[in-house]
Amino acid sequence: MAENIEEKIKTYRTAPFDARFPNTNQTRNCFQNYLDFHRCNKALSARDQDTTPCEWYQRVYNSLCPMSWVSKWDEQIETGSFPGKV
């Protein structure tokens, strides 16, 4: 399974269709993938496991989210004022 994930990450071009977000507006998709990335990193790091599968979420949110949003969210996480539950 790890090879399959690594292969998908290598051939990644843009965010695939996600049935949870069928509409044109992809704001929620962007935010959810940002949260999923940080949750994945936190969960796998706590178990001392490889966090490579989390890179998928990072690539998706990087292709969907404006970089100004991402930098703002990163700053909020550092200061402890991020509105999402990570």
PDB file of N, CA and C in Angstrom:
ATOM      1  N   MET A   1       0.809  -1.186   0.000  1.00  0.00           N
ATOM      2  CA  MET A   1       0.000   0.000   0.000  1.00  0.00           C
ATOM      3  C   MET A   1       0.861   1.261   0.000  1.00  0.00           C
ATOM      4  N   ALA A   2       1.983   1.227   0.697  1.00  0.00           N
ATOM      5  CA  ALA A   2       2.862   2.389   0.757  1.00  0.00           C
ATOM      6  C   ALA A   2       3.396   2.742  -0.629  1.00  0.00           C
ATOM      7  N   GLU A   3       3.668   1.708  -1.445  1.00  0.00           N
ATOM      8  CA  GLU A   3       4.155   1.968  -2.801  1.00  0.00           C
ATOM      9  C   GLU A   3       3.083   2.676  -3.617  1.00  0.00           C
ATOM     10  N   ASN A   4       1.830   2.274  -3.411  1.00  0.00           N
ATOM     11  CA  ASN A   4       0.723   2.871  -4.136  1.00  0.00           C
ATOM     12  C   ASN A   4       0.587   4.352  -3.783  1.00  0.00           C
ATOM     13  N   ILE A   5       0.704   4.703  -2.514  1.00  0.00           N
ATOM     14  CA  ILE A   5       0.615   6.092  -2.077  1.00  0.00           C
ATOM     15  C   ILE A   5       1.786   6.889  -2.639  1.00  0.00           C
ATOM     16  N   GLU A   6       2.976   6.322  -2.557  1.00  0.00           N
ATOM     17  CA  GLU A   6       4.151   7.022  -3.078  1.00  0.00           C
ATOM     18  C   GLU A   6       4.035   7.239  -4.578  1.00  0.00           C
ATOM     19  N   GLU A   7       3.475   6.277  -5.300  1.00  0.00           N
ATOM     20  CA  GLU A   7       3.284   6.422  -6.741  1.00  0.00           C
ATOM     21  C   GLU A   7       2.269   7.520  -7.040  1.00  0.00           C
ATOM     22  N   LYS A   8       1.188   7.572  -6.267  1.00  0.00           N
ATOM     23  CA  LYS A   8       0.186   8.625  -6.460  1.00  0.00           C
ATOM     24  C   LYS A   8       0.777  10.002  -6.195  1.00  0.00           C
ATOM     25  N   ILE A   9       1.614  10.101  -5.179  1.00  0.00           N
ATOM     26  CA  ILE A   9       2.234  11.382  -4.858  1.00  0.00           C
ATOM     27  C   ILE A   9       3.179  11.806  -5.983  1.00  0.00           C
ATOM     28  N   LYS A  10       3.914  10.866  -6.543  1.00  0.00           N
ATOM     29  CA  LYS A  10       4.843  11.197  -7.631  1.00  0.00           C
ATOM     30  C   LYS A  10       4.108  11.672  -8.872  1.00  0.00           C
ATOM     31  N   THR A  11       2.965  11.063  -9.180  1.00  0.00           N
ATOM     32  CA  THR A  11       2.246  11.407 -10.407  1.00  0.00           C
ATOM     33  C   THR A  11       1.183  12.473 -10.182  1.00  0.00           C
ATOM     34  N   TYR A  12       1.162  13.070  -9.001  1.00  0.00           N
ATOM     35  CA  TYR A  12       0.157  14.069  -8.657  1.00  0.00           C
ATOM     36  C   TYR A  12       0.299  15.303  -9.550  1.00  0.00           C
ATOM     37  N   ARG A  13      -0.822  15.771 -10.098  1.00  0.00           N
ATOM     38  CA  ARG A  13      -0.823  16.991 -10.908  1.00  0.00           C
ATOM     39  C   ARG A  13      -1.719  18.062 -10.291  1.00  0.00           C
ATOM     40  N   THR A  14      -2.929  17.720  -9.958  1.00  0.00           N
ATOM     41  CA  THR A  14      -3.861  18.651  -9.324  1.00  0.00           C
ATOM     42  C   THR A  14      -4.841  17.868  -8.468  1.00  0.00           C
ATOM     43  N   ALA A  15      -5.608  18.583  -7.687  1.00  0.00           N
ATOM     44  CA  ALA A  15      -6.529  17.930  -6.757  1.00  0.00           C
ATOM     45  C   ALA A  15      -7.578  17.121  -7.506  1.00  0.00           C
ATOM     46  N   PRO A  16      -7.760  15.859  -7.150  1.00  0.00           N
ATOM     47  CA  PRO A  16      -8.785  15.040  -7.799  1.00  0.00           C
ATOM     48  C   PRO A  16     -10.177  15.411  -7.300  1.00  0.00           C
ATOM     49  N   PHE A  17     -11.189  14.901  -7.962  1.00  0.00           N
ATOM     50  CA  PHE A  17     -12.564  15.150  -7.540  1.00  0.00           C
ATOM     51  C   PHE A  17     -12.793  14.533  -6.170  1.00  0.00           C
ATOM     52  N   ASP A  18     -13.447  15.272  -5.311  1.00  0.00           N
ATOM     53  CA  ASP A  18     -13.799  14.790  -3.981  1.00  0.00           C
ATOM     54  C   ASP A  18     -15.311  14.903  -3.846  1.00  0.00           C
ATOM     55  N   ALA A  19     -15.995  13.778  -3.696  1.00  0.00           N
ATOM     56  CA  ALA A  19     -17.455  13.752  -3.656  1.00  0.00           C
ATOM     57  C   ALA A  19     -18.027  14.526  -2.478  1.00  0.00           C
ATOM     58  N   ARG A  20     -17.221  14.770  -1.451  1.00  0.00           N
ATOM     59  CA  ARG A  20     -17.707  15.556  -0.312  1.00  0.00           C
ATOM     60  C   ARG A  20     -17.898  17.023  -0.686  1.00  0.00           C
ATOM     61  N   PHE A  21     -17.222  17.462  -1.758  1.00  0.00           N
ATOM     62  CA  PHE A  21     -17.264  18.859  -2.179  1.00  0.00           C
ATOM     63  C   PHE A  21     -17.591  18.937  -3.670  1.00  0.00           C
ATOM     64  N   PRO A  22     -18.849  18.679  -4.055  1.00  0.00           N
ATOM     65  CA  PRO A  22     -19.198  18.599  -5.474  1.00  0.00           C
ATOM     66  C   PRO A  22     -19.360  19.954  -6.162  1.00  0.00           C
ATOM     67  N   ASN A  23     -19.456  21.027  -5.407  1.00  0.00           N
ATOM     68  CA  ASN A  23     -19.712  22.328  -5.994  1.00  0.00           C
ATOM     69  C   ASN A  23     -18.447  22.980  -6.539  1.00  0.00           C
ATOM     70  N   THR A  24     -18.649  24.039  -7.275  1.00  0.00           N
ATOM     71  CA  THR A  24     -17.530  24.768  -7.860  1.00  0.00           C
ATOM     72  C   THR A  24     -16.668  25.412  -6.787  1.00  0.00           C
ATOM     73  N   ASN A  25     -17.296  25.957  -5.754  1.00  0.00           N
ATOM     74  CA  ASN A  25     -16.557  26.604  -4.676  1.00  0.00           C
ATOM     75  C   ASN A  25     -15.779  25.555  -3.885  1.00  0.00           C
ATOM     76  N   GLN A  26     -14.466  25.658  -3.904  1.00  0.00           N
ATOM     77  CA  GLN A  26     -13.613  24.654  -3.274  1.00  0.00           C
ATOM     78  C   GLN A  26     -12.997  25.137  -1.958  1.00  0.00           C
ATOM     79  N   THR A  27     -13.574  26.181  -1.368  1.00  0.00           N
ATOM     80  CA  THR A  27     -13.035  26.725  -0.127  1.00  0.00           C
ATOM     81  C   THR A  27     -13.036  25.694   0.994  1.00  0.00           C
ATOM     82  N   ARG A  28     -14.136  24.996   1.170  1.00  0.00           N
ATOM     83  CA  ARG A  28     -14.212  23.978   2.225  1.00  0.00           C
ATOM     84  C   ARG A  28     -13.247  22.831   1.951  1.00  0.00           C
ATOM     85  N   ASN A  29     -13.107  22.462   0.692  1.00  0.00           N
ATOM     86  CA  ASN A  29     -12.169  21.404   0.319  1.00  0.00           C
ATOM     87  C   ASN A  29     -10.749  21.826   0.701  1.00  0.00           C
ATOM     88  N   CYS A  30     -10.406  23.052   0.405  1.00  0.00           N
ATOM     89  CA  CYS A  30      -9.099  23.591   0.751  1.00  0.00           C
ATOM     90  C   CYS A  30      -8.860  23.484   2.253  1.00  0.00           C
ATOM     91  N   PHE A  31      -9.794  24.007   3.042  1.00  0.00           N
ATOM     92  CA  PHE A  31      -9.647  24.029   4.491  1.00  0.00           C
ATOM     93  C   PHE A  31      -9.607  22.619   5.070  1.00  0.00           C
ATOM     94  N   GLN A  32     -10.440  21.728   4.561  1.00  0.00           N
ATOM     95  CA  GLN A  32     -10.489  20.358   5.086  1.00  0.00           C
ATOM     96  C   GLN A  32      -9.175  19.623   4.819  1.00  0.00           C
ATOM     97  N   ASN A  33      -8.598  19.807   3.648  1.00  0.00           N
ATOM     98  CA  ASN A  33      -7.330  19.153   3.354  1.00  0.00           C
ATOM     99  C   ASN A  33      -6.203  19.740   4.193  1.00  0.00           C
ATOM    100  N   TYR A  34      -6.266  21.026   4.495  1.00  0.00           N
ATOM    101  CA  TYR A  34      -5.281  21.639   5.388  1.00  0.00           C
ATOM    102  C   TYR A  34      -5.378  20.997   6.779  1.00  0.00           C
ATOM    103  N   LEU A  35      -6.607  20.876   7.288  1.00  0.00           N
ATOM    104  CA  LEU A  35      -6.806  20.231   8.590  1.00  0.00           C
ATOM    105  C   LEU A  35      -6.353  18.773   8.562  1.00  0.00           C
ATOM    106  N   ASP A  36      -6.729  18.044   7.496  1.00  0.00           N
ATOM    107  CA  ASP A  36      -6.361  16.633   7.384  1.00  0.00           C
ATOM    108  C   ASP A  36      -4.845  16.450   7.382  1.00  0.00           C
ATOM    109  N   PHE A  37      -4.133  17.348   6.726  1.00  0.00           N
ATOM    110  CA  PHE A  37      -2.672  17.263   6.696  1.00  0.00           C
ATOM    111  C   PHE A  37      -2.104  17.386   8.104  1.00  0.00           C
ATOM    112  N   HIS A  38      -2.553  18.390   8.838  1.00  0.00           N
ATOM    113  CA  HIS A  38      -2.005  18.596  10.181  1.00  0.00           C
ATOM    114  C   HIS A  38      -2.452  17.511  11.156  1.00  0.00           C
ATOM    115  N   ARG A  39      -3.664  17.025  11.017  1.00  0.00           N
ATOM    116  CA  ARG A  39      -4.127  15.916  11.863  1.00  0.00           C
ATOM    117  C   ARG A  39      -3.337  14.646  11.576  1.00  0.00           C
ATOM    118  N   CYS A  40      -3.100  14.388  10.301  1.00  0.00           N
ATOM    119  CA  CYS A  40      -2.344  13.203   9.895  1.00  0.00           C
ATOM    120  C   CYS A  40      -0.922  13.268  10.459  1.00  0.00           C
ATOM    121  N   ASN A  41      -0.276  14.417  10.288  1.00  0.00           N
ATOM    122  CA  ASN A  41       1.083  14.583  10.820  1.00  0.00           C
ATOM    123  C   ASN A  41       1.116  14.388  12.323  1.00  0.00           C
ATOM    124  N   LYS A  42       0.153  14.972  13.010  1.00  0.00           N
ATOM    125  CA  LYS A  42       0.110  14.870  14.468  1.00  0.00           C
ATOM    126  C   LYS A  42      -0.096  13.422  14.914  1.00  0.00           C
ATOM    127  N   ALA A  43      -1.026  12.725  14.254  1.00  0.00           N
ATOM    128  CA  ALA A  43      -1.334  11.345  14.638  1.00  0.00           C
ATOM    129  C   ALA A  43      -0.169  10.401  14.359  1.00  0.00           C
ATOM    130  N   LEU A  44       0.425  10.513  13.186  1.00  0.00           N
ATOM    131  CA  LEU A  44       1.521   9.607  12.844  1.00  0.00           C
ATOM    132  C   LEU A  44       2.794   9.933  13.616  1.00  0.00           C
ATOM    133  N   SER A  45       3.036  11.202  13.872  1.00  0.00           N
ATOM    134  CA  SER A  45       4.217  11.585  14.652  1.00  0.00           C
ATOM    135  C   SER A  45       4.098  11.093  16.089  1.00  0.00           C
ATOM    136  N   ALA A  46       2.892  11.113  16.628  1.00  0.00           N
ATOM    137  CA  ALA A  46       2.691  10.645  18.004  1.00  0.00           C
ATOM    138  C   ALA A  46       3.003   9.159  18.144  1.00  0.00           C
ATOM    139  N   ARG A  47       2.811   8.413  17.060  1.00  0.00           N
ATOM    140  CA  ARG A  47       3.094   6.966  17.080  1.00  0.00           C
ATOM    141  C   ARG A  47       4.472   6.645  16.528  1.00  0.00           C
ATOM    142  N   ASP A  48       5.270   7.662  16.250  1.00  0.00           N
ATOM    143  CA  ASP A  48       6.614   7.498  15.672  1.00  0.00           C
ATOM    144  C   ASP A  48       6.578   6.728  14.358  1.00  0.00           C
ATOM    145  N   GLN A  49       5.576   7.027  13.516  1.00  0.00           N
ATOM    146  CA  GLN A  49       5.460   6.399  12.207  1.00  0.00           C
ATOM    147  C   GLN A  49       5.854   7.396  11.125  1.00  0.00           C
ATOM    148  N   ASP A  50       6.073   6.874   9.933  1.00  0.00           N
ATOM    149  CA  ASP A  50       6.435   7.696   8.790  1.00  0.00           C
ATOM    150  C   ASP A  50       5.259   8.591   8.397  1.00  0.00           C
ATOM    151  N   THR A  51       5.502   9.864   8.177  1.00  0.00           N
ATOM    152  CA  THR A  51       4.445  10.819   7.829  1.00  0.00           C
ATOM    153  C   THR A  51       4.336  11.048   6.324  1.00  0.00           C
ATOM    154  N   THR A  52       4.950  10.203   5.521  1.00  0.00           N
ATOM    155  CA  THR A  52       4.895  10.358   4.061  1.00  0.00           C
ATOM    156  C   THR A  52       3.475  10.350   3.512  1.00  0.00           C
ATOM    157  N   PRO A  53       2.559   9.512   4.004  1.00  0.00           N
ATOM    158  CA  PRO A  53       1.188   9.558   3.457  1.00  0.00           C
ATOM    159  C   PRO A  53       0.507  10.911   3.636  1.00  0.00           C
ATOM    160  N   CYS A  54       0.947  11.686   4.600  1.00  0.00           N
ATOM    161  CA  CYS A  54       0.345  12.998   4.843  1.00  0.00           C
ATOM    162  C   CYS A  54       0.673  13.994   3.734  1.00  0.00           C
ATOM    163  N   GLU A  55       1.710  13.721   2.975  1.00  0.00           N
ATOM    164  CA  GLU A  55       2.105  14.626   1.889  1.00  0.00           C
ATOM    165  C   GLU A  55       0.988  14.781   0.858  1.00  0.00           C
ATOM    166  N   TRP A  56       0.142  13.767   0.724  1.00  0.00           N
ATOM    167  CA  TRP A  56      -0.972  13.854  -0.229  1.00  0.00           C
ATOM    168  C   TRP A  56      -1.864  15.044   0.113  1.00  0.00           C
ATOM    169  N   TYR A  57      -2.243  15.162   1.385  1.00  0.00           N
ATOM    170  CA  TYR A  57      -3.098  16.270   1.810  1.00  0.00           C
ATOM    171  C   TYR A  57      -2.417  17.616   1.581  1.00  0.00           C
ATOM    172  N   GLN A  58      -1.120  17.653   1.819  1.00  0.00           N
ATOM    173  CA  GLN A  58      -0.378  18.896   1.635  1.00  0.00           C
ATOM    174  C   GLN A  58      -0.380  19.306   0.166  1.00  0.00           C
ATOM    175  N   ARG A  59      -0.191  18.369  -0.714  1.00  0.00           N
ATOM    176  CA  ARG A  59      -0.210  18.688  -2.143  1.00  0.00           C
ATOM    177  C   ARG A  59      -1.590  19.156  -2.589  1.00  0.00           C
ATOM    178  N   VAL A  60      -2.632  18.544  -2.053  1.00  0.00           N
ATOM    179  CA  VAL A  60      -3.994  18.944  -2.425  1.00  0.00           C
ATOM    180  C   VAL A  60      -4.284  20.358  -1.940  1.00  0.00           C
ATOM    181  N   TYR A  61      -3.998  20.632  -0.673  1.00  0.00           N
ATOM    182  CA  TYR A  61      -4.320  21.983  -0.196  1.00  0.00           C
ATOM    183  C   TYR A  61      -3.420  23.033  -0.843  1.00  0.00           C
ATOM    184  N   ASN A  62      -2.198  22.667  -1.195  1.00  0.00           N
ATOM    185  CA  ASN A  62      -1.340  23.630  -1.903  1.00  0.00           C
ATOM    186  C   ASN A  62      -1.864  23.953  -3.293  1.00  0.00           C
ATOM    187  N   SER A  63      -2.541  23.005  -3.920  1.00  0.00           N
ATOM    188  CA  SER A  63      -3.079  23.275  -5.249  1.00  0.00           C
ATOM    189  C   SER A  63      -4.427  23.985  -5.195  1.00  0.00           C
ATOM    190  N   LEU A  64      -5.146  23.870  -4.074  1.00  0.00           N
ATOM    191  CA  LEU A  64      -6.468  24.484  -3.954  1.00  0.00           C
ATOM    192  C   LEU A  64      -6.467  25.826  -3.227  1.00  0.00           C
ATOM    193  N   CYS A  65      -5.635  25.964  -2.225  1.00  0.00           N
ATOM    194  CA  CYS A  65      -5.689  27.139  -1.351  1.00  0.00           C
ATOM    195  C   CYS A  65      -4.775  28.262  -1.835  1.00  0.00           C
ATOM    196  N   PRO A  66      -5.246  29.496  -1.695  1.00  0.00           N
ATOM    197  CA  PRO A  66      -4.339  30.627  -1.924  1.00  0.00           C
ATOM    198  C   PRO A  66      -3.225  30.608  -0.875  1.00  0.00           C
ATOM    199  N   MET A  67      -2.027  30.906  -1.271  1.00  0.00           N
ATOM    200  CA  MET A  67      -0.883  30.830  -0.359  1.00  0.00           C
ATOM    201  C   MET A  67      -1.016  31.821   0.793  1.00  0.00           C
ATOM    202  N   SER A  68      -1.736  32.921   0.585  1.00  0.00           N
ATOM    203  CA  SER A  68      -1.937  33.879   1.676  1.00  0.00           C
ATOM    204  C   SER A  68      -2.757  33.241   2.806  1.00  0.00           C
ATOM    205  N   TRP A  69      -3.723  32.405   2.457  1.00  0.00           N
ATOM    206  CA  TRP A  69      -4.512  31.712   3.470  1.00  0.00           C
ATOM    207  C   TRP A  69      -3.626  30.746   4.244  1.00  0.00           C
ATOM    208  N   VAL A  70      -2.821  29.983   3.514  1.00  0.00           N
ATOM    209  CA  VAL A  70      -1.967  28.976   4.151  1.00  0.00           C
ATOM    210  C   VAL A  70      -0.985  29.641   5.108  1.00  0.00           C
ATOM    211  N   SER A  71      -0.364  30.730   4.680  1.00  0.00           N
ATOM    212  CA  SER A  71       0.599  31.400   5.565  1.00  0.00           C
ATOM    213  C   SER A  71      -0.105  31.982   6.788  1.00  0.00           C
ATOM    214  N   LYS A  72      -1.322  32.494   6.603  1.00  0.00           N
ATOM    215  CA  LYS A  72      -2.084  33.020   7.745  1.00  0.00           C
ATOM    216  C   LYS A  72      -2.428  31.898   8.714  1.00  0.00           C
ATOM    217  N   TRP A  73      -2.878  30.750   8.181  1.00  0.00           N
ATOM    218  CA  TRP A  73      -3.216  29.614   9.040  1.00  0.00           C
ATOM    219  C   TRP A  73      -1.993  29.092   9.770  1.00  0.00           C
ATOM    220  N   ASP A  74      -0.841  29.044   9.077  1.00  0.00           N
ATOM    221  CA  ASP A  74       0.395  28.592   9.720  1.00  0.00           C
ATOM    222  C   ASP A  74       0.761  29.513  10.886  1.00  0.00           C
ATOM    223  N   GLU A  75       0.623  30.822  10.674  1.00  0.00           N
ATOM    224  CA  GLU A  75       0.901  31.774  11.754  1.00  0.00           C
ATOM    225  C   GLU A  75      -0.066  31.575  12.918  1.00  0.00           C
ATOM    226  N   GLN A  76      -1.332  31.325  12.603  1.00  0.00           N
ATOM    227  CA  GLN A  76      -2.324  31.118  13.655  1.00  0.00           C
ATOM    228  C   GLN A  76      -2.035  29.844  14.453  1.00  0.00           C
ATOM    229  N   ILE A  77      -1.575  28.797  13.780  1.00  0.00           N
ATOM    230  CA  ILE A  77      -1.220  27.562  14.487  1.00  0.00           C
ATOM    231  C   ILE A  77      -0.054  27.829  15.435  1.00  0.00           C
ATOM    232  N   GLU A  78       0.939  28.594  14.972  1.00  0.00           N
ATOM    233  CA  GLU A  78       2.102  28.902  15.814  1.00  0.00           C
ATOM    234  C   GLU A  78       1.729  29.720  17.041  1.00  0.00           C
ATOM    235  N   THR A  79       0.773  30.657  16.877  1.00  0.00           N
ATOM    236  CA  THR A  79       0.379  31.498  18.004  1.00  0.00           C
ATOM    237  C   THR A  79      -0.727  30.875  18.853  1.00  0.00           C
ATOM    238  N   GLY A  80      -1.304  29.782  18.386  1.00  0.00           N
ATOM    239  CA  GLY A  80      -2.344  29.109  19.149  1.00  0.00           C
ATOM    240  C   GLY A  80      -3.722  29.685  18.957  1.00  0.00           C
ATOM    241  N   SER A  81      -3.932  30.448  17.904  1.00  0.00           N
ATOM    242  CA  SER A  81      -5.242  31.065  17.667  1.00  0.00           C
ATOM    243  C   SER A  81      -5.948  30.510  16.435  1.00  0.00           C
ATOM    244  N   PHE A  82      -5.522  29.333  15.968  1.00  0.00           N
ATOM    245  CA  PHE A  82      -6.130  28.730  14.794  1.00  0.00           C
ATOM    246  C   PHE A  82      -7.536  28.252  15.129  1.00  0.00           C
ATOM    247  N   PRO A  83      -8.540  28.580  14.267  1.00  0.00           N
ATOM    248  CA  PRO A  83      -9.923  28.240  14.595  1.00  0.00           C
ATOM    249  C   PRO A  83     -10.282  26.769  14.436  1.00  0.00           C
ATOM    250  N   GLY A  84      -9.520  26.023  13.680  1.00  0.00           N
ATOM    251  CA  GLY A  84      -9.828  24.607  13.459  1.00  0.00           C
ATOM    252  C   GLY A  84      -9.280  23.724  14.562  1.00  0.00           C
ATOM    253  N   LYS A  85      -9.821  22.516  14.636  1.00  0.00           N
ATOM    254  CA  LYS A  85      -9.361  21.556  15.637  1.00  0.00           C
ATOM    255  C   LYS A  85      -8.327  20.638  14.990  1.00  0.00           C
ATOM    256  N   VAL A  86      -7.080  20.845  15.365  1.00  0.00           N
ATOM    257  CA  VAL A  86      -5.986  20.066  14.780  1.00  0.00           C
ATOM    258  C   VAL A  86      -5.592  18.973  15.713  1.00  0.00           C
TER     259      VAL A  86
END
